[in-house]
Amino acid sequence: MSIWNEIAQQFRKNIQTFTIIGALLLIWAFFTLTTGGAYLSAQNFSNLFRQMTTTSFLAIGMVFVIVTGGIDLSVGKAAGFVSVMVAYFQAYIWYNIIPDNPYLAAVLSVTIGLGVGTLIGALQGFVVSYVGIPAFIVTLGGLFIMRGGILLVTQGKTIPANQPGIDVIAQGYLSPTIGWIVAGLIVAFLFFNMFTSRRNKQKYGFQLSSIYLDLIQTVLFALLIIGYVFVVNKYKGVQVPVLLLAVFSVILSYVSNNTRFGRYAYAIGGNREAARLSGININRNIFSIFVLMGFLIGVGGVVLASYVGYGTVAAGEGYELDAIAAAILGGTSPLGGEGTVIGALIGALIMSSLTNGLQVLNVQPAWQYLVKGAVLVLAVFIDVSFKKRSR
């Protein structure tokens, strides 16, 4: 098979992924033209990626939940609750006990945030998996509980979370030199992973794709990374939250594709009864997925507290909708069984790009919601259309 035939075959196989990438590029082109190039300026480009981080943490967790045929409607307010808890401990606990050690205070606050998020996920996962109440009902109840929890913690007031140490998590930048070092390490890892993967496939007798096709894909990813670092270094450098998101995304992408945990999640969503008959412990796996979702809620809540700099009554409002929309835009099927972490990241970037571009154009919030809602419905329509054609 020639290289061009292989490229055409890969395109047909991943046409849905290429479609959402094309949609993202069209959105960027539209806003770049309508803003006179300001949309893709180094500063706005940097802000765009930083703005998407909280939604992205929630979206990559949502992929696992939706893949199993579930849903989590509480993630937005749960992340908001974590953010106000982090702010509360920062402002009223640790800074009274250890006022001269802000970085230890930040570590303790982050630990509290991650613990609270994981506990929320564990409690909801237990009720869904072992008590047997549908995830939709459990997490809808969780949304109201978290909303009440935010009001109880804040007492209707804003809690500062902009102290030294905690602010670095979402507002910090790597120096340009360190940014290039990180980019070089990632590019080296990409090529190392490509050759290792080919060697393992050959070892176990799997059919290898063309070395030229693998090189083209790896070089493209490498160029994207180099281009991103080049642009953000023209402003302040690689953002700390984006680096954190990249680390979590790589880990969870590996988990979803190369571990029993990930394979079981897809099996449960694809055919629950067949998964049960094959010996998969469905209750335990769904519980574990909700615990993972809770941990990512904790991460998202910590980033949210650091990014906003305050714990507020409105913390996390609407984030659950953005997270679900990002996962579905990225190719996660609402019917379960299909979805990728990378796709969710692209979906989150699309949602963030729309919001950012409409804000730059000073479009009224009402129209912003209308546009994002229409895009989500269109994404589901495309997903259903692809499935009908593949039958």
Protein backbone atom coordinates (compact mmCIF):
# COMPACT_ATOMS: atom_id res chain seq x y z
CA MET A 1 0.00 0.00 0.00
CA SER A 2 1.40 3.42 -0.96
CA ILE A 3 1.85 6.21 1.56
CA TRP A 4 -0.96 8.21 -0.07
CA ASN A 5 -3.37 5.28 0.17
CA GLU A 6 -2.48 4.90 3.84
CA ILE A 7 -3.06 8.61 4.46
CA ALA A 8 -6.46 8.39 2.73
CA GLN A 9 -7.33 5.32 4.79
CA GLN A 10 -6.37 7.07 8.04
CA PHE A 11 -8.42 10.10 7.03
CA ARG A 12 -11.53 7.98 6.42
CA LYS A 13 -10.96 6.12 9.68
CA ASN A 14 -10.64 9.33 11.71
CA ILE A 15 -12.92 11.59 9.69
CA GLN A 16 -14.84 12.71 12.80
CA THR A 17 -11.62 13.86 14.49
CA PHE A 18 -10.52 15.74 11.38
CA THR A 19 -13.98 17.33 11.19
CA ILE A 20 -13.74 18.87 14.67
CA ILE A 21 -10.16 20.01 14.01
CA GLY A 22 -11.39 21.65 10.80
CA ALA A 23 -14.21 23.30 12.75
CA LEU A 24 -11.69 24.68 15.27
CA LEU A 25 -9.54 26.12 12.49
CA LEU A 26 -12.59 27.73 10.87
CA ILE A 27 -13.57 29.32 14.20
CA TRP A 28 -10.05 30.71 14.62
CA ALA A 29 -10.01 32.01 11.04
CA PHE A 30 -13.42 33.69 11.45
CA PHE A 31 -12.54 35.48 14.68
CA THR A 32 -9.08 36.43 13.40
CA LEU A 33 -10.65 38.14 10.38
CA THR A 34 -13.44 39.83 12.34
CA THR A 35 -11.07 41.15 15.02
CA GLY A 36 -8.40 42.36 12.62
CA GLY A 37 -5.91 39.75 13.80
CA ALA A 38 -6.25 40.58 17.52
CA TYR A 39 -7.86 37.22 18.25
CA LEU A 40 -4.65 35.27 17.59
CA SER A 41 -2.30 37.81 19.13
CA ALA A 42 0.22 36.28 21.52
CA GLN A 43 -1.58 37.65 24.57
CA ASN A 44 -5.07 36.49 23.57
CA PHE A 45 -3.72 33.14 22.36
CA SER A 46 -2.10 32.63 25.76
CA ASN A 47 -5.27 33.67 27.59
CA LEU A 48 -7.37 31.39 25.39
CA PHE A 49 -5.45 28.29 26.44
CA ARG A 50 -5.37 29.32 30.08
CA GLN A 51 -9.13 29.93 30.09
CA MET A 52 -9.84 26.41 28.83
CA THR A 53 -7.97 24.60 31.59
CA THR A 54 -10.72 24.27 34.22
CA THR A 55 -13.26 23.09 31.66
CA SER A 56 -10.68 20.70 30.22
CA PHE A 57 -9.96 18.99 33.55
CA LEU A 58 -13.68 18.39 33.99
CA ALA A 59 -14.14 17.34 30.33
CA ILE A 60 -11.44 14.66 30.32
CA GLY A 61 -13.02 13.14 33.44
CA MET A 62 -16.46 13.41 31.83
CA VAL A 63 -15.21 11.32 28.91
CA PHE A 64 -14.79 8.30 31.17
CA VAL A 65 -18.21 8.84 32.78
CA ILE A 66 -20.07 9.24 29.48
CA VAL A 67 -18.15 6.37 27.85
CA THR A 68 -19.67 4.02 30.44
CA GLY A 69 -23.16 5.33 29.62
CA GLY A 70 -23.39 7.70 32.60
CA ILE A 71 -23.43 11.44 33.17
CA ASP A 72 -22.28 13.83 35.90
CA LEU A 73 -24.34 17.00 36.16
CA SER A 74 -22.65 18.13 39.36
CA VAL A 75 -19.10 18.73 38.10
CA GLY A 76 -19.46 22.49 37.68
CA LYS A 77 -20.84 23.27 41.11
CA ALA A 78 -18.65 20.57 42.67
CA ALA A 79 -15.57 22.30 41.26
CA GLY A 80 -17.02 25.58 42.51
CA PHE A 81 -17.46 24.08 45.99
CA VAL A 82 -13.85 22.87 45.94
CA SER A 83 -12.71 26.35 44.91
CA VAL A 84 -14.50 28.05 47.83
CA MET A 85 -13.16 25.42 50.24
CA VAL A 86 -9.63 26.11 48.99
CA ALA A 87 -10.24 29.85 49.37
CA TYR A 88 -11.72 29.37 52.87
CA PHE A 89 -8.75 27.36 54.13
CA GLN A 90 -6.32 29.77 52.49
CA ALA A 91 -7.87 32.92 53.93
CA TYR A 92 -9.18 31.81 57.32
CA ILE A 93 -7.24 28.73 58.44
CA TRP A 94 -3.69 28.35 57.16
CA TYR A 95 -2.89 32.05 57.01
CA ASN A 96 -3.80 32.33 60.69
CA ILE A 97 -1.79 29.25 61.68
CA ILE A 98 1.26 29.60 59.39
CA PRO A 99 1.21 33.22 58.08
CA ASP A 100 4.95 33.19 57.34
CA ASN A 101 4.91 30.10 55.12
CA PRO A 102 2.60 30.83 52.15
CA TYR A 103 3.84 27.93 50.03
CA LEU A 104 3.15 25.37 52.76
CA ALA A 105 -0.28 26.95 53.16
CA ALA A 106 -0.85 26.58 49.40
CA VAL A 107 0.19 22.91 49.48
CA LEU A 108 -2.19 22.23 52.37
CA SER A 109 -5.04 24.05 50.62
CA VAL A 110 -4.44 22.10 47.40
CA THR A 111 -4.44 18.85 49.39
CA ILE A 112 -7.78 19.81 50.97
CA GLY A 113 -9.20 20.65 47.54
CA LEU A 114 -8.11 17.36 45.98
CA GLY A 115 -9.42 15.44 48.98
CA VAL A 116 -12.81 17.17 48.92
CA GLY A 117 -13.19 16.56 45.19
CA THR A 118 -12.24 12.90 45.48
CA LEU A 119 -14.67 12.44 48.38
CA ILE A 120 -17.50 13.96 46.33
CA GLY A 121 -16.75 11.56 43.49
CA ALA A 122 -16.53 8.58 45.84
CA LEU A 123 -19.87 9.36 47.51
CA GLN A 124 -21.69 9.85 44.23
CA GLY A 125 -19.98 6.81 42.70
CA PHE A 126 -21.03 4.62 45.64
CA VAL A 127 -24.68 5.66 45.33
CA VAL A 128 -24.66 5.15 41.55
CA SER A 129 -22.78 1.85 41.43
CA TYR A 130 -23.73 0.04 44.65
CA VAL A 131 -27.09 1.58 45.63
CA GLY A 132 -28.28 1.51 42.02
CA ILE A 133 -29.71 5.01 41.62
CA PRO A 134 -29.23 6.40 38.07
CA ALA A 135 -26.28 8.75 37.65
CA PHE A 136 -28.52 11.46 36.22
CA ILE A 137 -30.56 11.65 39.43
CA VAL A 138 -27.61 11.30 41.80
CA THR A 139 -25.54 13.99 40.15
CA LEU A 140 -28.53 16.30 39.70
CA GLY A 141 -29.04 16.03 43.44
CA GLY A 142 -25.30 16.58 43.88
CA LEU A 143 -25.56 19.80 41.88
CA PHE A 144 -28.14 21.20 44.31
CA ILE A 145 -26.17 20.00 47.33
CA MET A 146 -22.98 21.63 46.07
CA ARG A 147 -24.86 24.85 45.37
CA GLY A 148 -26.09 24.85 48.98
CA GLY A 149 -22.60 23.99 50.22
CA ILE A 150 -21.14 27.00 48.42
CA LEU A 151 -23.67 29.29 50.10
CA LEU A 152 -22.93 27.80 53.52
CA VAL A 153 -19.16 28.19 53.15
CA THR A 154 -19.19 31.68 51.65
CA GLN A 155 -22.13 33.05 53.66
CA GLY A 156 -22.86 35.11 50.58
CA LYS A 157 -19.45 36.80 50.71
CA THR A 158 -16.36 36.66 48.50
CA ILE A 159 -13.37 34.83 50.01
CA PRO A 160 -9.89 35.86 48.80
CA ALA A 161 -7.68 33.15 47.30
CA ASN A 162 -5.00 35.34 45.73
CA GLN A 163 -2.25 34.80 48.29
CA PRO A 164 1.34 34.05 47.22
CA GLY A 165 1.79 30.39 46.40
CA ILE A 166 -1.76 29.52 45.45
CA ASP A 167 -1.84 32.11 42.65
CA VAL A 168 1.02 30.42 40.79
CA ILE A 169 -1.12 27.35 39.98
CA ALA A 170 -3.31 29.10 37.41
CA GLN A 171 -1.59 32.44 36.92
CA GLY A 172 2.07 31.41 36.76
CA TYR A 173 4.27 31.12 33.68
CA LEU A 174 7.40 29.19 32.81
CA SER A 175 10.34 31.23 31.63
CA PRO A 176 10.93 31.09 27.85
CA THR A 177 14.08 28.99 28.37
CA ILE A 178 12.31 26.41 30.53
CA GLY A 179 9.42 26.43 28.06
CA TRP A 180 11.76 25.46 25.23
CA ILE A 181 13.39 22.77 27.39
CA VAL A 182 9.96 21.29 28.17
CA ALA A 183 9.02 21.45 24.48
CA GLY A 184 12.25 19.67 23.54
CA LEU A 185 11.61 16.92 26.08
CA ILE A 186 8.06 16.43 24.79
CA VAL A 187 9.20 16.26 21.17
CA ALA A 188 11.91 13.75 22.12
CA PHE A 189 9.29 11.69 23.96
CA LEU A 190 7.00 11.73 20.90
CA PHE A 191 9.68 10.24 18.66
CA PHE A 192 10.79 7.79 21.36
CA ASN A 193 7.19 6.67 21.85
CA MET A 194 6.69 6.25 18.10
CA PHE A 195 9.72 3.99 17.66
CA THR A 196 8.95 2.05 20.86
CA SER A 197 5.38 1.48 19.72
CA ARG A 198 6.53 0.22 16.33
CA ARG A 199 9.06 -2.11 17.96
CA ASN A 200 6.43 -3.55 20.31
CA LYS A 201 3.95 -4.08 17.48
CA GLN A 202 6.60 -5.88 15.47
CA LYS A 203 7.54 -7.98 18.49
CA TYR A 204 3.97 -9.22 18.99
CA GLY A 205 3.21 -9.71 15.31
CA PHE A 206 0.88 -6.75 14.71
CA GLN A 207 0.72 -5.18 11.28
CA LEU A 208 2.85 -2.05 11.05
CA SER A 209 1.75 1.11 9.28
CA SER A 210 4.19 2.86 6.97
CA ILE A 211 7.18 4.37 8.79
CA TYR A 212 6.64 7.51 6.69
CA LEU A 213 3.05 7.84 7.91
CA ASP A 214 4.15 7.53 11.54
CA LEU A 215 6.90 10.07 10.95
CA ILE A 216 4.46 12.52 9.34
CA GLN A 217 2.06 12.24 12.29
CA THR A 218 4.84 12.65 14.85
CA VAL A 219 6.41 15.58 13.03
CA LEU A 220 3.01 17.31 12.83
CA PHE A 221 2.49 16.95 16.60
CA ALA A 222 6.03 18.16 17.21
CA LEU A 223 5.46 21.23 15.00
CA LEU A 224 2.24 22.03 16.87
CA ILE A 225 4.09 21.95 20.19
CA ILE A 226 6.95 24.06 18.89
CA GLY A 227 4.53 26.55 17.32
CA TYR A 228 2.53 26.83 20.55
CA VAL A 229 5.65 27.49 22.65
CA PHE A 230 6.92 30.00 20.08
CA VAL A 231 3.67 32.00 20.23
CA VAL A 232 3.17 31.99 24.03
CA ASN A 233 6.83 32.87 24.61
CA LYS A 234 6.15 36.10 22.76
CA TYR A 235 3.84 37.03 25.64
CA LYS A 236 4.94 35.65 29.03
CA GLY A 237 5.73 32.00 28.37
CA VAL A 238 4.09 28.62 28.80
CA GLN A 239 1.28 28.81 31.35
CA VAL A 240 1.59 26.59 34.44
CA PRO A 241 -2.04 25.37 34.26
CA VAL A 242 -1.61 24.38 30.60
CA LEU A 243 1.48 22.35 31.55
CA LEU A 244 -0.51 20.65 34.33
CA LEU A 245 -3.32 19.92 31.88
CA ALA A 246 -0.87 18.43 29.38
CA VAL A 247 0.58 16.11 32.04
CA PHE A 248 -2.85 14.89 33.18
CA SER A 249 -4.03 14.49 29.59
CA VAL A 250 -1.05 12.34 28.59
CA ILE A 251 -1.50 10.13 31.67
CA LEU A 252 -5.25 9.68 31.20
CA SER A 253 -4.93 9.17 27.46
CA TYR A 254 -2.48 6.35 28.19
CA VAL A 255 -4.84 4.95 30.85
CA SER A 256 -7.80 4.97 28.46
CA ASN A 257 -5.91 3.23 25.63
CA ASN A 258 -3.42 0.94 27.34
CA THR A 259 -4.81 -0.25 30.68
CA ARG A 260 -7.45 -2.66 31.85
CA PHE A 261 -9.25 0.20 33.58
CA GLY A 262 -9.68 2.07 30.28
CA ARG A 263 -10.62 -0.99 28.23
CA TYR A 264 -13.25 -2.01 30.79
CA ALA A 265 -14.80 1.48 30.65
CA TYR A 266 -15.30 1.20 26.89
CA ALA A 267 -16.59 -2.35 27.22
CA ILE A 268 -19.18 -1.33 29.80
CA GLY A 269 -20.40 1.54 27.64
CA GLY A 270 -20.39 -0.52 24.46
CA ASN A 271 -22.44 -3.43 25.81
CA ARG A 272 -23.02 -3.60 29.55
CA GLU A 273 -24.55 -7.08 29.54
CA ALA A 274 -21.73 -8.52 27.45
CA ALA A 275 -19.21 -6.86 29.78
CA ARG A 276 -20.92 -8.42 32.80
CA LEU A 277 -20.98 -11.88 31.22
CA SER A 278 -17.27 -11.59 30.38
CA GLY A 279 -16.46 -11.19 34.07
CA ILE A 280 -16.02 -7.42 34.38
CA ASN A 281 -17.00 -6.09 37.81
CA ILE A 282 -19.24 -3.29 36.56
CA ASN A 283 -20.07 -1.79 39.95
CA ARG A 284 -16.43 -1.55 40.99
CA ASN A 285 -15.36 -0.02 37.68
CA ILE A 286 -18.12 2.60 37.64
CA PHE A 287 -17.28 3.48 41.25
CA SER A 288 -13.62 3.88 40.28
CA ILE A 289 -14.55 6.12 37.35
CA PHE A 290 -16.56 8.42 39.61
CA VAL A 291 -13.63 8.55 42.04
CA LEU A 292 -11.40 9.59 39.12
CA MET A 293 -14.01 12.17 38.12
CA GLY A 294 -14.01 13.46 41.70
CA PHE A 295 -10.22 13.79 41.73
CA LEU A 296 -10.36 15.81 38.50
CA ILE A 297 -13.12 17.93 40.03
CA GLY A 298 -10.64 18.63 42.81
CA VAL A 299 -7.94 19.61 40.32
CA GLY A 300 -10.38 21.79 38.38
CA GLY A 301 -11.60 23.45 41.58
CA VAL A 302 -8.05 24.25 42.71
CA VAL A 303 -7.23 25.75 39.30
CA LEU A 304 -10.51 27.70 39.36
CA ALA A 305 -9.73 29.19 42.81
CA SER A 306 -6.26 30.18 41.65
CA TYR A 307 -7.45 31.56 38.31
CA VAL A 308 -10.28 33.70 39.70
CA GLY A 309 -8.38 34.58 42.86
CA TYR A 310 -11.53 34.33 44.96
CA GLY A 311 -14.15 31.90 46.21
CA THR A 312 -17.51 33.29 45.15
CA VAL A 313 -21.20 32.40 45.36
CA ALA A 314 -21.27 31.94 41.56
CA ALA A 315 -18.20 29.65 41.51
CA GLY A 316 -18.47 26.88 38.91
CA GLU A 317 -21.73 28.15 37.45
CA GLY A 318 -22.32 26.56 34.03
CA TYR A 319 -19.07 24.59 33.98
CA GLU A 320 -20.94 21.27 33.92
CA LEU A 321 -22.58 22.27 30.64
CA ASP A 322 -19.27 23.32 29.11
CA ALA A 323 -17.60 20.08 30.25
CA ILE A 324 -20.35 17.88 28.81
CA ALA A 325 -20.42 19.94 25.61
CA ALA A 326 -16.62 19.71 25.27
CA ALA A 327 -16.66 15.93 25.65
CA ILE A 328 -19.45 15.49 23.09
CA LEU A 329 -17.92 18.00 20.66
CA GLY A 330 -14.70 15.99 20.92
CA GLY A 331 -16.41 12.83 19.69
CA THR A 332 -17.60 11.23 22.93
CA SER A 333 -20.87 9.53 22.08
CA PRO A 334 -23.76 10.35 24.44
CA LEU A 335 -24.82 6.72 23.92
CA GLY A 336 -21.58 5.47 25.50
CA GLY A 337 -18.72 3.30 24.30
CA GLU A 338 -16.85 5.96 22.31
CA GLY A 339 -14.69 8.94 23.22
CA THR A 340 -11.11 10.09 23.66
CA VAL A 341 -9.25 12.38 26.03
CA ILE A 342 -7.60 14.21 23.12
CA GLY A 343 -11.01 14.73 21.52
CA ALA A 344 -12.34 16.25 24.75
CA LEU A 345 -9.39 18.67 24.81
CA ILE A 346 -10.21 19.78 21.26
CA GLY A 347 -13.85 20.12 22.28
CA ALA A 348 -12.89 22.24 25.30
CA LEU A 349 -10.71 24.39 23.05
CA ILE A 350 -13.64 24.88 20.67
CA MET A 351 -15.92 25.96 23.54
CA SER A 352 -13.25 28.28 24.92
CA SER A 353 -12.51 29.66 21.45
CA LEU A 354 -16.18 30.48 20.89
CA THR A 355 -16.53 32.15 24.28
CA ASN A 356 -13.29 34.10 23.93
CA GLY A 357 -14.01 35.22 20.37
CA LEU A 358 -17.56 36.34 21.14
CA GLN A 359 -16.28 38.27 24.16
CA VAL A 360 -13.61 39.98 22.06
CA LEU A 361 -16.36 41.02 19.65
CA ASN A 362 -18.45 42.27 22.62
CA VAL A 363 -21.35 39.96 21.74
CA GLN A 364 -24.09 39.95 24.36
CA PRO A 365 -24.06 36.92 26.75
CA ALA A 366 -27.50 35.85 25.54
CA TRP A 367 -26.16 35.34 22.01
CA GLN A 368 -23.10 33.54 23.36
CA TYR A 369 -25.35 30.91 24.96
CA LEU A 370 -27.39 30.60 21.77
CA VAL A 371 -24.28 30.01 19.66
CA LYS A 372 -22.77 27.45 22.03
CA GLY A 373 -26.10 25.60 22.29
CA ALA A 374 -26.44 25.46 18.51
CA VAL A 375 -22.88 24.17 18.15
CA LEU A 376 -23.56 21.40 20.69
CA VAL A 377 -26.74 20.26 18.91
CA LEU A 378 -24.88 20.31 15.60
CA ALA A 379 -22.12 18.15 17.10
CA VAL A 380 -24.62 15.53 18.28
CA PHE A 381 -26.29 15.59 14.87
CA ILE A 382 -22.92 14.94 13.19
CA ASP A 383 -22.20 12.12 15.66
CA VAL A 384 -25.53 10.43 14.89
CA SER A 385 -24.99 10.91 11.14
CA PHE A 386 -21.56 9.23 11.26
CA LYS A 387 -23.04 6.27 13.16
CA LYS A 388 -25.84 5.83 10.62
CA ARG A 389 -23.34 5.81 7.74
CA SER A 390 -21.11 3.25 9.46
CA ARG A 391 -23.93 0.74 9.87
